[in-house]
Amino acid sequence: MKKLILAFFFLLGINAFSQTAAAAKEVFEKIKKESKIDGSDKTIYNILDEFYDKNLQAENDEMTPETIEKIQRLASDSSTKNLHILLLFLMYQQHISQTATAGKKPNSDFQIETMRLLEDETKSVYGKTPAIIYIYKYEALDNANKKDEAKAVAIQGLKEYPDSVPLKVYSYLSTKDAAIKNDLIKNHPNHWMVKQFEIK
């Protein structure tokens, strides 16, 4: 497994801009075969929630060195249960970060496939989809200009996570629902996404 993890990160470095949907699925299947799958171990689910809470739900990006260190520690430990979910998530993050840094548009097919795999796998292992998957799935579909599908994802995600500010923002952007807009303006005016999208 350790060799597989090293190979995985090596592939990330080389192919950050050329990731394809097929490559995502192939790498994921290889990692999954080596991963210890255990639905009762919520460590990876919890780290996805922590990433969401500190990076997306918080008013400002509050990703702490402790969270980053925790993610790195889990990702590099071959005994981590459900490691395949975390590694696929990190592959997605790497692609988004590197394309943004280079001023390029992410590969929407890669984004959509990665989110489909993560959604299916988190449902299969944990019985539910983390909020961050809904947010990233919305972004992937929106990037692919699949506006109706993106809107449906935001609405469904908001049903499951009614307090999610990012999902409120995306639901509002998709529906122009005045009640959601009023909620964002009244209760979350300082959230970074409300400011970024100039919701007033």
C-alpha atoms as a PDB file:
ATOM      1  CA  MET A   1       0.000   0.000   0.000  1.00  0.00           C
ATOM      2  CA  LYS A   2       2.833   2.398   0.812  1.00  0.00           C
ATOM      3  CA  LYS A   3       4.228   1.978  -2.719  1.00  0.00           C
ATOM      4  CA  LEU A   4       0.764   2.632  -4.097  1.00  0.00           C
ATOM      5  CA  ILE A   5       0.437   5.827  -2.048  1.00  0.00           C
ATOM      6  CA  LEU A   6       3.839   7.046  -3.248  1.00  0.00           C
ATOM      7  CA  ALA A   7       2.945   6.208  -6.849  1.00  0.00           C
ATOM      8  CA  PHE A   8      -0.374   8.010  -6.400  1.00  0.00           C
ATOM      9  CA  PHE A   9       1.298  11.230  -5.252  1.00  0.00           C
ATOM     10  CA  PHE A  10       3.920  10.928  -7.986  1.00  0.00           C
ATOM     11  CA  LEU A  11       1.121  10.690 -10.566  1.00  0.00           C
ATOM     12  CA  LEU A  12      -0.523  13.744  -9.047  1.00  0.00           C
ATOM     13  CA  GLY A  13       2.597  15.799  -9.540  1.00  0.00           C
ATOM     14  CA  ILE A  14       2.999  14.792 -13.173  1.00  0.00           C
ATOM     15  CA  ASN A  15      -0.593  14.809 -14.344  1.00  0.00           C
ATOM     16  CA  ALA A  16      -2.234  17.631 -12.423  1.00  0.00           C
ATOM     17  CA  PHE A  17      -3.292  19.389 -15.634  1.00  0.00           C
ATOM     18  CA  SER A  18      -4.038  16.304 -17.708  1.00  0.00           C
ATOM     19  CA  GLN A  19      -6.286  14.406 -15.305  1.00  0.00           C
ATOM     20  CA  THR A  20      -9.133  12.697 -17.082  1.00  0.00           C
ATOM     21  CA  ALA A  21     -12.296  11.057 -15.852  1.00  0.00           C
ATOM     22  CA  ALA A  22     -10.904   7.644 -16.882  1.00  0.00           C
ATOM     23  CA  ALA A  23      -7.661   8.298 -14.987  1.00  0.00           C
ATOM     24  CA  ALA A  24      -9.591   9.263 -11.853  1.00  0.00           C
ATOM     25  CA  LYS A  25     -11.589   6.048 -11.956  1.00  0.00           C
ATOM     26  CA  GLU A  26      -8.533   3.897 -12.675  1.00  0.00           C
ATOM     27  CA  VAL A  27      -6.449   5.377  -9.846  1.00  0.00           C
ATOM     28  CA  PHE A  28      -9.417   5.197  -7.473  1.00  0.00           C
ATOM     29  CA  GLU A  29     -10.078   1.517  -8.215  1.00  0.00           C
ATOM     30  CA  LYS A  30      -6.420   0.649  -7.607  1.00  0.00           C
ATOM     31  CA  ILE A  31      -6.349   2.511  -4.306  1.00  0.00           C
ATOM     32  CA  LYS A  32      -9.685   1.044  -3.224  1.00  0.00           C
ATOM     33  CA  LYS A  33      -8.424  -2.515  -3.711  1.00  0.00           C
ATOM     34  CA  GLU A  34      -5.643  -1.809  -1.224  1.00  0.00           C
ATOM     35  CA  SER A  35      -7.738   0.165   1.257  1.00  0.00           C
ATOM     36  CA  LYS A  36      -9.222  -1.196   4.480  1.00  0.00           C
ATOM     37  CA  ILE A  37     -12.915  -0.349   4.202  1.00  0.00           C
ATOM     38  CA  ASP A  38     -14.822   0.055   7.460  1.00  0.00           C
ATOM     39  CA  GLY A  39     -18.074   2.021   7.687  1.00  0.00           C
ATOM     40  CA  SER A  40     -17.881   2.153  11.472  1.00  0.00           C
ATOM     41  CA  ASP A  41     -14.598   4.098  11.329  1.00  0.00           C
ATOM     42  CA  LYS A  42     -15.627   7.732  10.769  1.00  0.00           C
ATOM     43  CA  THR A  43     -12.098   9.205  10.757  1.00  0.00           C
ATOM     44  CA  ILE A  44     -12.107  10.088   7.051  1.00  0.00           C
ATOM     45  CA  TYR A  45     -15.714  11.281   7.117  1.00  0.00           C
ATOM     46  CA  ASN A  46     -14.842  13.523  10.049  1.00  0.00           C
ATOM     47  CA  ILE A  47     -11.772  14.971   8.318  1.00  0.00           C
ATOM     48  CA  LEU A  48     -13.909  15.828   5.264  1.00  0.00           C
ATOM     49  CA  ASP A  49     -16.333  17.578   7.625  1.00  0.00           C
ATOM     50  CA  GLU A  50     -13.485  19.406   9.344  1.00  0.00           C
ATOM     51  CA  PHE A  51     -12.117  20.528   5.965  1.00  0.00           C
ATOM     52  CA  TYR A  52     -15.609  21.767   5.041  1.00  0.00           C
ATOM     53  CA  ASP A  53     -16.144  23.539   8.373  1.00  0.00           C
ATOM     54  CA  LYS A  54     -12.820  25.369   8.312  1.00  0.00           C
ATOM     55  CA  ASN A  55     -12.451  26.017   4.599  1.00  0.00           C
ATOM     56  CA  LEU A  56     -15.995  26.542   3.300  1.00  0.00           C
ATOM     57  CA  GLN A  57     -18.517  27.033   6.114  1.00  0.00           C
ATOM     58  CA  ALA A  58     -16.422  29.436   8.197  1.00  0.00           C
ATOM     59  CA  GLU A  59     -16.723  33.156   7.468  1.00  0.00           C
ATOM     60  CA  ASN A  60     -13.058  33.239   6.506  1.00  0.00           C
ATOM     61  CA  ASP A  61     -10.788  30.479   5.297  1.00  0.00           C
ATOM     62  CA  GLU A  62      -9.610  29.120   8.635  1.00  0.00           C
ATOM     63  CA  MET A  63      -7.701  26.021   7.559  1.00  0.00           C
ATOM     64  CA  THR A  64      -5.267  25.481  10.408  1.00  0.00           C
ATOM     65  CA  PRO A  65      -1.820  23.900  10.285  1.00  0.00           C
ATOM     66  CA  GLU A  66      -3.204  21.256  12.665  1.00  0.00           C
ATOM     67  CA  THR A  67      -5.908  20.220  10.173  1.00  0.00           C
ATOM     68  CA  ILE A  68      -3.414  20.128   7.309  1.00  0.00           C
ATOM     69  CA  GLU A  69      -1.023  18.045   9.417  1.00  0.00           C
ATOM     70  CA  LYS A  70      -3.867  15.683  10.369  1.00  0.00           C
ATOM     71  CA  ILE A  71      -4.796  15.196   6.701  1.00  0.00           C
ATOM     72  CA  GLN A  72      -1.166  14.569   5.736  1.00  0.00           C
ATOM     73  CA  ARG A  73      -0.730  12.102   8.592  1.00  0.00           C
ATOM     74  CA  LEU A  74      -3.851  10.157   7.628  1.00  0.00           C
ATOM     75  CA  ALA A  75      -2.947  10.174   3.917  1.00  0.00           C
ATOM     76  CA  SER A  76       0.544   8.841   4.520  1.00  0.00           C
ATOM     77  CA  ASP A  77      -0.503   6.063   6.921  1.00  0.00           C
ATOM     78  CA  SER A  78      -1.322   2.867   5.046  1.00  0.00           C
ATOM     79  CA  SER A  79      -3.308   1.564   8.041  1.00  0.00           C
ATOM     80  CA  THR A  80      -5.843   4.430   7.769  1.00  0.00           C
ATOM     81  CA  LYS A  81      -9.272   2.928   7.165  1.00  0.00           C
ATOM     82  CA  ASN A  82     -11.196   4.190   4.117  1.00  0.00           C
ATOM     83  CA  LEU A  83      -8.004   5.804   2.852  1.00  0.00           C
ATOM     84  CA  HIS A  84      -9.222   5.520  -0.747  1.00  0.00           C
ATOM     85  CA  ILE A  85     -11.851   8.201  -0.053  1.00  0.00           C
ATOM     86  CA  LEU A  86      -9.304  10.642   1.348  1.00  0.00           C
ATOM     87  CA  LEU A  87      -6.813  10.038  -1.462  1.00  0.00           C
ATOM     88  CA  LEU A  88      -9.438  10.628  -4.151  1.00  0.00           C
ATOM     89  CA  PHE A  89     -10.503  13.805  -2.357  1.00  0.00           C
ATOM     90  CA  LEU A  90      -6.875  14.968  -2.264  1.00  0.00           C
ATOM     91  CA  MET A  91      -6.440  14.149  -5.944  1.00  0.00           C
ATOM     92  CA  TYR A  92      -9.413  16.407  -6.667  1.00  0.00           C
ATOM     93  CA  GLN A  93      -8.012  19.164  -4.436  1.00  0.00           C
ATOM     94  CA  GLN A  94      -4.645  18.935  -6.156  1.00  0.00           C
ATOM     95  CA  HIS A  95      -6.212  19.280  -9.595  1.00  0.00           C
ATOM     96  CA  ILE A  96      -8.289  22.310  -8.583  1.00  0.00           C
ATOM     97  CA  SER A  97      -5.385  24.003  -6.792  1.00  0.00           C
ATOM     98  CA  GLN A  98      -2.840  23.478  -9.550  1.00  0.00           C
ATOM     99  CA  THR A  99      -5.121  24.540 -12.380  1.00  0.00           C
ATOM    100  CA  ALA A 100      -6.125  27.662 -10.416  1.00  0.00           C
ATOM    101  CA  THR A 101      -2.481  28.494  -9.678  1.00  0.00           C
ATOM    102  CA  ALA A 102      -1.657  28.170 -13.380  1.00  0.00           C
ATOM    103  CA  GLY A 103      -4.681  30.265 -14.379  1.00  0.00           C
ATOM    104  CA  LYS A 104      -6.269  27.324 -16.200  1.00  0.00           C
ATOM    105  CA  LYS A 105      -9.809  25.987 -16.087  1.00  0.00           C
ATOM    106  CA  PRO A 106     -10.252  22.638 -14.314  1.00  0.00           C
ATOM    107  CA  ASN A 107     -11.158  19.603 -16.407  1.00  0.00           C
ATOM    108  CA  SER A 108     -14.927  19.401 -15.833  1.00  0.00           C
ATOM    109  CA  ASP A 109     -15.152  15.732 -16.880  1.00  0.00           C
ATOM    110  CA  PHE A 110     -12.496  14.895 -14.287  1.00  0.00           C
ATOM    111  CA  GLN A 111     -14.323  16.983 -11.672  1.00  0.00           C
ATOM    112  CA  ILE A 112     -17.682  15.346 -12.345  1.00  0.00           C
ATOM    113  CA  GLU A 113     -16.306  11.796 -12.342  1.00  0.00           C
ATOM    114  CA  THR A 114     -14.308  12.385  -9.165  1.00  0.00           C
ATOM    115  CA  MET A 115     -17.356  13.766  -7.385  1.00  0.00           C
ATOM    116  CA  ARG A 116     -19.518  10.896  -8.656  1.00  0.00           C
ATOM    117  CA  LEU A 117     -16.995   8.403  -7.294  1.00  0.00           C
ATOM    118  CA  LEU A 118     -16.752  10.229  -3.964  1.00  0.00           C
ATOM    119  CA  GLU A 119     -20.518  10.548  -3.618  1.00  0.00           C
ATOM    120  CA  ASP A 120     -21.094   6.866  -4.408  1.00  0.00           C
ATOM    121  CA  GLU A 121     -18.294   5.712  -2.124  1.00  0.00           C
ATOM    122  CA  THR A 122     -19.201   7.876   0.872  1.00  0.00           C
ATOM    123  CA  LYS A 123     -22.821   6.723   0.571  1.00  0.00           C
ATOM    124  CA  SER A 124     -21.687   3.114   0.313  1.00  0.00           C
ATOM    125  CA  VAL A 125     -19.259   3.274   3.240  1.00  0.00           C
ATOM    126  CA  TYR A 126     -20.946   5.773   5.569  1.00  0.00           C
ATOM    127  CA  GLY A 127     -24.573   5.815   4.423  1.00  0.00           C
ATOM    128  CA  LYS A 128     -24.550   9.540   3.665  1.00  0.00           C
ATOM    129  CA  THR A 129     -22.851  12.192   1.561  1.00  0.00           C
ATOM    130  CA  PRO A 130     -20.732  14.867   3.275  1.00  0.00           C
ATOM    131  CA  ALA A 131     -21.727  18.492   2.614  1.00  0.00           C
ATOM    132  CA  ILE A 132     -18.419  19.204   0.887  1.00  0.00           C
ATOM    133  CA  ILE A 133     -19.216  16.620  -1.815  1.00  0.00           C
ATOM    134  CA  TYR A 134     -22.465  18.435  -2.677  1.00  0.00           C
ATOM    135  CA  ILE A 135     -20.581  21.723  -2.921  1.00  0.00           C
ATOM    136  CA  TYR A 136     -17.822  20.340  -5.122  1.00  0.00           C
ATOM    137  CA  LYS A 137     -20.333  18.426  -7.244  1.00  0.00           C
ATOM    138  CA  TYR A 138     -22.267  21.652  -7.816  1.00  0.00           C
ATOM    139  CA  GLU A 139     -19.042  23.396  -8.861  1.00  0.00           C
ATOM    140  CA  ALA A 140     -18.102  20.546 -11.200  1.00  0.00           C
ATOM    141  CA  LEU A 141     -21.485  20.570 -12.946  1.00  0.00           C
ATOM    142  CA  ASP A 142     -21.547  24.355 -13.089  1.00  0.00           C
ATOM    143  CA  ASN A 143     -18.043  24.339 -14.624  1.00  0.00           C
ATOM    144  CA  ALA A 144     -19.357  21.910 -17.262  1.00  0.00           C
ATOM    145  CA  ASN A 145     -22.253  24.308 -17.952  1.00  0.00           C
ATOM    146  CA  LYS A 146     -24.769  21.728 -16.683  1.00  0.00           C
ATOM    147  CA  LYS A 147     -26.790  24.375 -14.885  1.00  0.00           C
ATOM    148  CA  ASP A 148     -29.962  22.365 -14.275  1.00  0.00           C
ATOM    149  CA  GLU A 149     -28.032  19.435 -12.794  1.00  0.00           C
ATOM    150  CA  ALA A 150     -25.968  21.808 -10.660  1.00  0.00           C
ATOM    151  CA  LYS A 151     -29.154  23.482  -9.411  1.00  0.00           C
ATOM    152  CA  ALA A 152     -30.641  20.090  -8.457  1.00  0.00           C
ATOM    153  CA  VAL A 153     -27.476  19.187  -6.521  1.00  0.00           C
ATOM    154  CA  ALA A 154     -27.534  22.488  -4.595  1.00  0.00           C
ATOM    155  CA  ILE A 155     -31.216  22.049  -3.712  1.00  0.00           C
ATOM    156  CA  GLN A 156     -30.731  18.419  -2.617  1.00  0.00           C
ATOM    157  CA  GLY A 157     -27.623  19.306  -0.612  1.00  0.00           C
ATOM    158  CA  LEU A 158     -29.454  22.134   1.136  1.00  0.00           C
ATOM    159  CA  LYS A 159     -32.245  19.733   2.132  1.00  0.00           C
ATOM    160  CA  GLU A 160     -29.658  17.555   3.874  1.00  0.00           C
ATOM    161  CA  TYR A 161     -27.554  20.433   5.204  1.00  0.00           C
ATOM    162  CA  PRO A 162     -29.958  23.359   5.738  1.00  0.00           C
ATOM    163  CA  ASP A 163     -27.349  25.404   7.647  1.00  0.00           C
ATOM    164  CA  SER A 164     -24.701  25.177   4.915  1.00  0.00           C
ATOM    165  CA  VAL A 165     -23.795  28.684   3.779  1.00  0.00           C
ATOM    166  CA  PRO A 166     -22.052  27.519   0.567  1.00  0.00           C
ATOM    167  CA  LEU A 167     -25.118  25.464  -0.393  1.00  0.00           C
ATOM    168  CA  LYS A 168     -27.369  28.444   0.372  1.00  0.00           C
ATOM    169  CA  VAL A 169     -25.171  30.597  -1.871  1.00  0.00           C
ATOM    170  CA  TYR A 170     -25.251  28.089  -4.724  1.00  0.00           C
ATOM    171  CA  SER A 171     -28.988  27.500  -4.291  1.00  0.00           C
ATOM    172  CA  TYR A 172     -29.586  31.238  -4.441  1.00  0.00           C
ATOM    173  CA  LEU A 173     -27.364  31.650  -7.518  1.00  0.00           C
ATOM    174  CA  SER A 174     -29.303  28.832  -9.218  1.00  0.00           C
ATOM    175  CA  THR A 175     -32.829  29.779  -8.204  1.00  0.00           C
ATOM    176  CA  LYS A 176     -32.712  33.509  -7.309  1.00  0.00           C
ATOM    177  CA  ASP A 177     -34.940  32.563  -4.363  1.00  0.00           C
ATOM    178  CA  ALA A 178     -35.530  35.797  -2.423  1.00  0.00           C
ATOM    179  CA  ALA A 179     -35.918  33.962   0.900  1.00  0.00           C
ATOM    180  CA  ILE A 180     -32.448  32.427   0.564  1.00  0.00           C
ATOM    181  CA  LYS A 181     -30.994  35.797  -0.459  1.00  0.00           C
ATOM    182  CA  ASN A 182     -32.579  37.494   2.559  1.00  0.00           C
ATOM    183  CA  ASP A 183     -31.237  34.787   4.863  1.00  0.00           C
ATOM    184  CA  LEU A 184     -27.720  35.202   3.473  1.00  0.00           C
ATOM    185  CA  ILE A 185     -27.827  39.004   3.765  1.00  0.00           C
ATOM    186  CA  LYS A 186     -29.303  38.955   7.270  1.00  0.00           C
ATOM    187  CA  ASN A 187     -27.441  36.019   8.822  1.00  0.00           C
ATOM    188  CA  HIS A 188     -24.221  35.593   6.822  1.00  0.00           C
ATOM    189  CA  PRO A 189     -23.206  38.992   5.361  1.00  0.00           C
ATOM    190  CA  ASN A 190     -19.545  38.469   6.273  1.00  0.00           C
ATOM    191  CA  HIS A 191     -19.180  34.980   4.825  1.00  0.00           C
ATOM    192  CA  TRP A 192     -16.461  34.943   2.181  1.00  0.00           C
ATOM    193  CA  MET A 193     -18.762  33.430  -0.477  1.00  0.00           C
ATOM    194  CA  VAL A 194     -21.507  35.990   0.125  1.00  0.00           C
ATOM    195  CA  LYS A 195     -18.884  38.697  -0.391  1.00  0.00           C
ATOM    196  CA  GLN A 196     -17.286  36.951  -3.376  1.00  0.00           C
ATOM    197  CA  PHE A 197     -20.614  36.675  -5.223  1.00  0.00           C
ATOM    198  CA  GLU A 198     -21.648  40.167  -4.074  1.00  0.00           C
ATOM    199  CA  ILE A 199     -24.967  39.052  -2.643  1.00  0.00           C
ATOM    200  CA  LYS A 200     -26.561  42.242  -1.310  1.00  0.00           C
END
